[in-house]
Amino acid sequence: MRKISLLLLIVALGCNSHEDSDFASSSETSILETDRPISIVAVPRPNSGQFSTDLATKLLPEFLAKSVAVSAMDNVVTGWKSPTQGIRIHVSAEDTVHIVDYLGVASVGLGTIPDALNSTMTLGNERSVLLTSDTTGWETPTKQKVVEVLFQPSVQIYIASGK
């Protein structure tokens, strides 16, 4: 697993061009185009007791559609208090996956998500994951793979949502 320092992640995210993305679909919006208030909301978790797998799967697209673009360095993201030991995953405008675990250790790449999840000590609780992106919409192949990896009973996904 390739690790980078949090400082390098901050620099890398700060240098992203939100206007030159070849990966963003036409239904995605740059973070520069929204100034709505943002809150963190939980996505229905499959087989959680509150939601069956079928119902959570049915509701997933509705919740992802409420997700808004937000910078990984936004206060709502960096100040997020995970209810369990969790991780933050941010997809850049260039479709690069950035992960920060509960200790602040950063990694890059879709393949590092399982290791980051496994590094959390949940003591029987679900793992918490804050999922954010520089662009709205979760239609890109990379974003779909991120959701596919995370959408399981042992992971509670949270998203940044416009109020």
C-alpha atoms as a PDB file:
ATOM      1  CA  MET A   1       0.000   0.000   0.000  1.00  0.00           C
ATOM      2  CA  ARG A   2       1.397   3.357  -1.029  1.00  0.00           C
ATOM      3  CA  LYS A   3       1.324   5.843   1.835  1.00  0.00           C
ATOM      4  CA  ILE A   4       1.831   9.578   1.577  1.00  0.00           C
ATOM      5  CA  SER A   5       1.931  12.189   4.261  1.00  0.00           C
ATOM      6  CA  LEU A   6      -1.159  14.205   5.053  1.00  0.00           C
ATOM      7  CA  LEU A   7       0.743  17.329   4.036  1.00  0.00           C
ATOM      8  CA  LEU A   8       1.332  15.933   0.553  1.00  0.00           C
ATOM      9  CA  LEU A   9      -2.336  15.019   0.312  1.00  0.00           C
ATOM     10  CA  ILE A  10      -3.327  18.564   1.239  1.00  0.00           C
ATOM     11  CA  VAL A  11      -0.945  19.991  -1.353  1.00  0.00           C
ATOM     12  CA  ALA A  12      -2.130  17.537  -3.999  1.00  0.00           C
ATOM     13  CA  LEU A  13      -5.796  18.256  -3.334  1.00  0.00           C
ATOM     14  CA  GLY A  14      -5.141  21.986  -3.303  1.00  0.00           C
ATOM     15  CA  CYS A  15      -3.544  21.778  -6.756  1.00  0.00           C
ATOM     16  CA  ASN A  16      -6.401  19.910  -8.440  1.00  0.00           C
ATOM     17  CA  SER A  17      -7.952  21.688 -11.377  1.00  0.00           C
ATOM     18  CA  HIS A  18     -11.709  21.402 -11.155  1.00  0.00           C
ATOM     19  CA  GLU A  19     -12.274  22.647 -14.689  1.00  0.00           C
ATOM     20  CA  ASP A  20     -10.023  20.281 -16.660  1.00  0.00           C
ATOM     21  CA  SER A  21     -11.450  16.931 -15.595  1.00  0.00           C
ATOM     22  CA  ASP A  22     -11.904  14.502 -18.467  1.00  0.00           C
ATOM     23  CA  PHE A  23     -13.552  12.072 -16.064  1.00  0.00           C
ATOM     24  CA  ALA A  24     -16.478  14.163 -14.853  1.00  0.00           C
ATOM     25  CA  SER A  25     -19.764  13.258 -16.456  1.00  0.00           C
ATOM     26  CA  SER A  26     -22.139  15.911 -17.689  1.00  0.00           C
ATOM     27  CA  SER A  27     -24.325  15.393 -14.604  1.00  0.00           C
ATOM     28  CA  GLU A  28     -21.486  16.345 -12.268  1.00  0.00           C
ATOM     29  CA  THR A  29     -20.939  19.820 -10.889  1.00  0.00           C
ATOM     30  CA  SER A  30     -17.672  21.371  -9.761  1.00  0.00           C
ATOM     31  CA  ILE A  31     -17.304  22.431  -6.127  1.00  0.00           C
ATOM     32  CA  LEU A  32     -16.822  25.948  -7.424  1.00  0.00           C
ATOM     33  CA  GLU A  33     -20.434  26.045  -8.616  1.00  0.00           C
ATOM     34  CA  THR A  34     -22.206  25.525  -5.294  1.00  0.00           C
ATOM     35  CA  ASP A  35     -22.366  27.555  -2.109  1.00  0.00           C
ATOM     36  CA  ARG A  36     -25.212  25.709  -0.379  1.00  0.00           C
ATOM     37  CA  PRO A  37     -24.925  24.830   3.309  1.00  0.00           C
ATOM     38  CA  ILE A  38     -23.586  21.321   3.758  1.00  0.00           C
ATOM     39  CA  SER A  39     -24.465  18.680   6.340  1.00  0.00           C
ATOM     40  CA  ILE A  40     -23.289  15.110   6.857  1.00  0.00           C
ATOM     41  CA  VAL A  41     -26.002  12.447   6.500  1.00  0.00           C
ATOM     42  CA  ALA A  42     -25.989   8.664   6.860  1.00  0.00           C
ATOM     43  CA  VAL A  43     -26.805   6.499   3.849  1.00  0.00           C
ATOM     44  CA  PRO A  44     -29.113   3.526   4.562  1.00  0.00           C
ATOM     45  CA  ARG A  45     -26.932   0.532   5.468  1.00  0.00           C
ATOM     46  CA  PRO A  46     -27.897  -2.891   4.089  1.00  0.00           C
ATOM     47  CA  ASN A  47     -29.102  -5.482   6.599  1.00  0.00           C
ATOM     48  CA  SER A  48     -28.680  -2.994   9.436  1.00  0.00           C
ATOM     49  CA  GLY A  49     -31.822  -3.848  11.345  1.00  0.00           C
ATOM     50  CA  GLN A  50     -33.373  -0.572  10.253  1.00  0.00           C
ATOM     51  CA  PHE A  51     -33.030  -1.323   6.522  1.00  0.00           C
ATOM     52  CA  SER A  52     -33.190  -4.625   4.677  1.00  0.00           C
ATOM     53  CA  THR A  53     -30.591  -5.180   1.977  1.00  0.00           C
ATOM     54  CA  ASP A  54     -33.271  -4.729  -0.691  1.00  0.00           C
ATOM     55  CA  LEU A  55     -34.568  -1.466   0.773  1.00  0.00           C
ATOM     56  CA  ALA A  56     -31.076  -0.030   1.366  1.00  0.00           C
ATOM     57  CA  THR A  57     -30.112  -0.941  -2.209  1.00  0.00           C
ATOM     58  CA  LYS A  58     -33.268   0.738  -3.516  1.00  0.00           C
ATOM     59  CA  LEU A  59     -32.620   3.916  -1.473  1.00  0.00           C
ATOM     60  CA  LEU A  60     -28.888   4.154  -2.279  1.00  0.00           C
ATOM     61  CA  PRO A  61     -29.262   6.078  -5.592  1.00  0.00           C
ATOM     62  CA  GLU A  62     -31.645   8.553  -3.943  1.00  0.00           C
ATOM     63  CA  PHE A  63     -29.132   9.313  -1.198  1.00  0.00           C
ATOM     64  CA  LEU A  64     -26.163   9.528  -3.560  1.00  0.00           C
ATOM     65  CA  ALA A  65     -28.172  12.004  -5.655  1.00  0.00           C
ATOM     66  CA  LYS A  66     -28.335  14.266  -2.569  1.00  0.00           C
ATOM     67  CA  SER A  67     -24.548  14.291  -2.282  1.00  0.00           C
ATOM     68  CA  VAL A  68     -22.937  17.640  -3.045  1.00  0.00           C
ATOM     69  CA  ALA A  69     -19.435  18.530  -4.129  1.00  0.00           C
ATOM     70  CA  VAL A  70     -17.183  19.512  -1.249  1.00  0.00           C
ATOM     71  CA  SER A  71     -13.452  20.030  -0.884  1.00  0.00           C
ATOM     72  CA  ALA A  72     -11.554  17.465   1.181  1.00  0.00           C
ATOM     73  CA  MET A  73     -10.212  20.421   3.180  1.00  0.00           C
ATOM     74  CA  ASP A  74     -13.635  21.935   3.924  1.00  0.00           C
ATOM     75  CA  ASN A  75     -14.316  22.345   7.652  1.00  0.00           C
ATOM     76  CA  VAL A  76     -17.387  20.104   7.448  1.00  0.00           C
ATOM     77  CA  VAL A  77     -15.100  17.300   6.200  1.00  0.00           C
ATOM     78  CA  THR A  78     -12.014  17.846   8.349  1.00  0.00           C
ATOM     79  CA  GLY A  79     -14.159  18.494  11.423  1.00  0.00           C
ATOM     80  CA  TRP A  80     -16.332  15.406  10.969  1.00  0.00           C
ATOM     81  CA  LYS A  81     -16.603  13.396  14.182  1.00  0.00           C
ATOM     82  CA  SER A  82     -16.927   9.761  13.221  1.00  0.00           C
ATOM     83  CA  PRO A  83     -19.331   7.899  15.529  1.00  0.00           C
ATOM     84  CA  THR A  84     -16.985   4.884  15.344  1.00  0.00           C
ATOM     85  CA  GLN A  85     -13.374   4.648  14.268  1.00  0.00           C
ATOM     86  CA  GLY A  86     -13.712   5.487  10.638  1.00  0.00           C
ATOM     87  CA  ILE A  87     -12.073   6.794   7.530  1.00  0.00           C
ATOM     88  CA  ARG A  88     -12.627   9.589   5.039  1.00  0.00           C
ATOM     89  CA  ILE A  89     -12.611   8.873   1.315  1.00  0.00           C
ATOM     90  CA  HIS A  90     -12.464  11.722  -1.171  1.00  0.00           C
ATOM     91  CA  VAL A  91     -12.669  11.397  -4.951  1.00  0.00           C
ATOM     92  CA  SER A  92     -10.932  14.262  -6.736  1.00  0.00           C
ATOM     93  CA  ALA A  93     -12.162  15.939  -9.905  1.00  0.00           C
ATOM     94  CA  GLU A  94      -9.586  13.800 -11.735  1.00  0.00           C
ATOM     95  CA  ASP A  95     -11.184  10.626 -10.268  1.00  0.00           C
ATOM     96  CA  THR A  96      -8.276   9.937  -7.912  1.00  0.00           C
ATOM     97  CA  VAL A  97      -9.312   8.225  -4.675  1.00  0.00           C
ATOM     98  CA  HIS A  98      -7.769   9.714  -1.502  1.00  0.00           C
ATOM     99  CA  ILE A  99      -8.193   7.967   1.848  1.00  0.00           C
ATOM    100  CA  VAL A 100      -7.437   9.322   5.324  1.00  0.00           C
ATOM    101  CA  ASP A 101      -7.754   6.842   8.184  1.00  0.00           C
ATOM    102  CA  TYR A 102      -8.711   7.642  11.778  1.00  0.00           C
ATOM    103  CA  LEU A 103      -5.049   8.230  12.697  1.00  0.00           C
ATOM    104  CA  GLY A 104      -4.607  10.748   9.880  1.00  0.00           C
ATOM    105  CA  VAL A 105      -2.565   8.390   7.696  1.00  0.00           C
ATOM    106  CA  ALA A 106      -3.266   9.115   4.047  1.00  0.00           C
ATOM    107  CA  SER A 107      -3.202   6.761   1.087  1.00  0.00           C
ATOM    108  CA  VAL A 108      -4.147   6.999  -2.558  1.00  0.00           C
ATOM    109  CA  GLY A 109      -5.964   4.525  -4.765  1.00  0.00           C
ATOM    110  CA  LEU A 110      -9.077   2.408  -4.850  1.00  0.00           C
ATOM    111  CA  GLY A 111      -7.080  -0.655  -3.805  1.00  0.00           C
ATOM    112  CA  THR A 112      -6.137   0.921  -0.463  1.00  0.00           C
ATOM    113  CA  ILE A 113      -9.737   1.124   0.796  1.00  0.00           C
ATOM    114  CA  PRO A 114      -9.911  -2.446   2.204  1.00  0.00           C
ATOM    115  CA  ASP A 115      -6.678  -1.967   4.181  1.00  0.00           C
ATOM    116  CA  ALA A 116      -7.911   1.368   5.558  1.00  0.00           C
ATOM    117  CA  LEU A 117     -11.213  -0.235   6.582  1.00  0.00           C
ATOM    118  CA  ASN A 118      -9.438  -3.181   8.185  1.00  0.00           C
ATOM    119  CA  SER A 119      -7.207  -0.843  10.199  1.00  0.00           C
ATOM    120  CA  THR A 120     -10.197   0.428  12.184  1.00  0.00           C
ATOM    121  CA  MET A 121     -11.046  -1.225  15.483  1.00  0.00           C
ATOM    122  CA  THR A 122     -14.821  -1.367  15.557  1.00  0.00           C
ATOM    123  CA  LEU A 123     -15.442  -3.652  18.563  1.00  0.00           C
ATOM    124  CA  GLY A 124     -18.581  -5.017  16.920  1.00  0.00           C
ATOM    125  CA  ASN A 125     -19.763  -1.670  15.553  1.00  0.00           C
ATOM    126  CA  GLU A 126     -19.984  -0.843  11.888  1.00  0.00           C
ATOM    127  CA  ARG A 127     -17.109   1.052  10.313  1.00  0.00           C
ATOM    128  CA  SER A 128     -17.882   4.686   9.531  1.00  0.00           C
ATOM    129  CA  VAL A 129     -16.852   6.183   6.189  1.00  0.00           C
ATOM    130  CA  LEU A 130     -17.317   9.790   5.133  1.00  0.00           C
ATOM    131  CA  LEU A 131     -17.541   9.775   1.351  1.00  0.00           C
ATOM    132  CA  THR A 132     -16.921  13.090  -0.440  1.00  0.00           C
ATOM    133  CA  SER A 133     -15.970  14.319  -3.884  1.00  0.00           C
ATOM    134  CA  ASP A 134     -14.867  17.452  -5.707  1.00  0.00           C
ATOM    135  CA  THR A 135     -17.827  16.934  -8.038  1.00  0.00           C
ATOM    136  CA  THR A 136     -21.463  16.030  -7.463  1.00  0.00           C
ATOM    137  CA  GLY A 137     -22.835  12.808  -8.818  1.00  0.00           C
ATOM    138  CA  TRP A 138     -21.577   9.266  -8.389  1.00  0.00           C
ATOM    139  CA  GLU A 139     -21.823   8.088 -11.995  1.00  0.00           C
ATOM    140  CA  THR A 140     -18.144   7.772 -12.921  1.00  0.00           C
ATOM    141  CA  PRO A 141     -16.718   4.240 -13.005  1.00  0.00           C
ATOM    142  CA  THR A 142     -14.291   5.058 -10.183  1.00  0.00           C
ATOM    143  CA  LYS A 143     -17.018   6.443  -7.937  1.00  0.00           C
ATOM    144  CA  GLN A 144     -19.231   3.445  -8.669  1.00  0.00           C
ATOM    145  CA  LYS A 145     -16.380   1.115  -7.634  1.00  0.00           C
ATOM    146  CA  VAL A 146     -15.864   3.061  -4.385  1.00  0.00           C
ATOM    147  CA  VAL A 147     -19.556   2.716  -3.516  1.00  0.00           C
ATOM    148  CA  GLU A 148     -19.510  -0.970  -4.483  1.00  0.00           C
ATOM    149  CA  VAL A 149     -16.597  -1.643  -2.100  1.00  0.00           C
ATOM    150  CA  LEU A 150     -18.252   0.260   0.757  1.00  0.00           C
ATOM    151  CA  PHE A 151     -21.912  -0.739   0.430  1.00  0.00           C
ATOM    152  CA  GLN A 152     -21.990  -3.626   2.896  1.00  0.00           C
ATOM    153  CA  PRO A 153     -23.591  -4.309   6.294  1.00  0.00           C
ATOM    154  CA  SER A 154     -20.363  -3.648   8.214  1.00  0.00           C
ATOM    155  CA  VAL A 155     -19.845  -0.145   6.753  1.00  0.00           C
ATOM    156  CA  GLN A 156     -21.931   2.945   7.516  1.00  0.00           C
ATOM    157  CA  ILE A 157     -21.485   5.426   4.666  1.00  0.00           C
ATOM    158  CA  TYR A 158     -21.932   9.136   5.326  1.00  0.00           C
ATOM    159  CA  ILE A 159     -22.150  11.756   2.573  1.00  0.00           C
ATOM    160  CA  ALA A 160     -21.995  15.530   2.358  1.00  0.00           C
ATOM    161  CA  SER A 161     -25.490  16.696   1.508  1.00  0.00           C
ATOM    162  CA  GLY A 162     -26.962  20.080   0.656  1.00  0.00           C
ATOM    163  CA  LYS A 163     -29.628  21.228   3.088  1.00  0.00           C
END
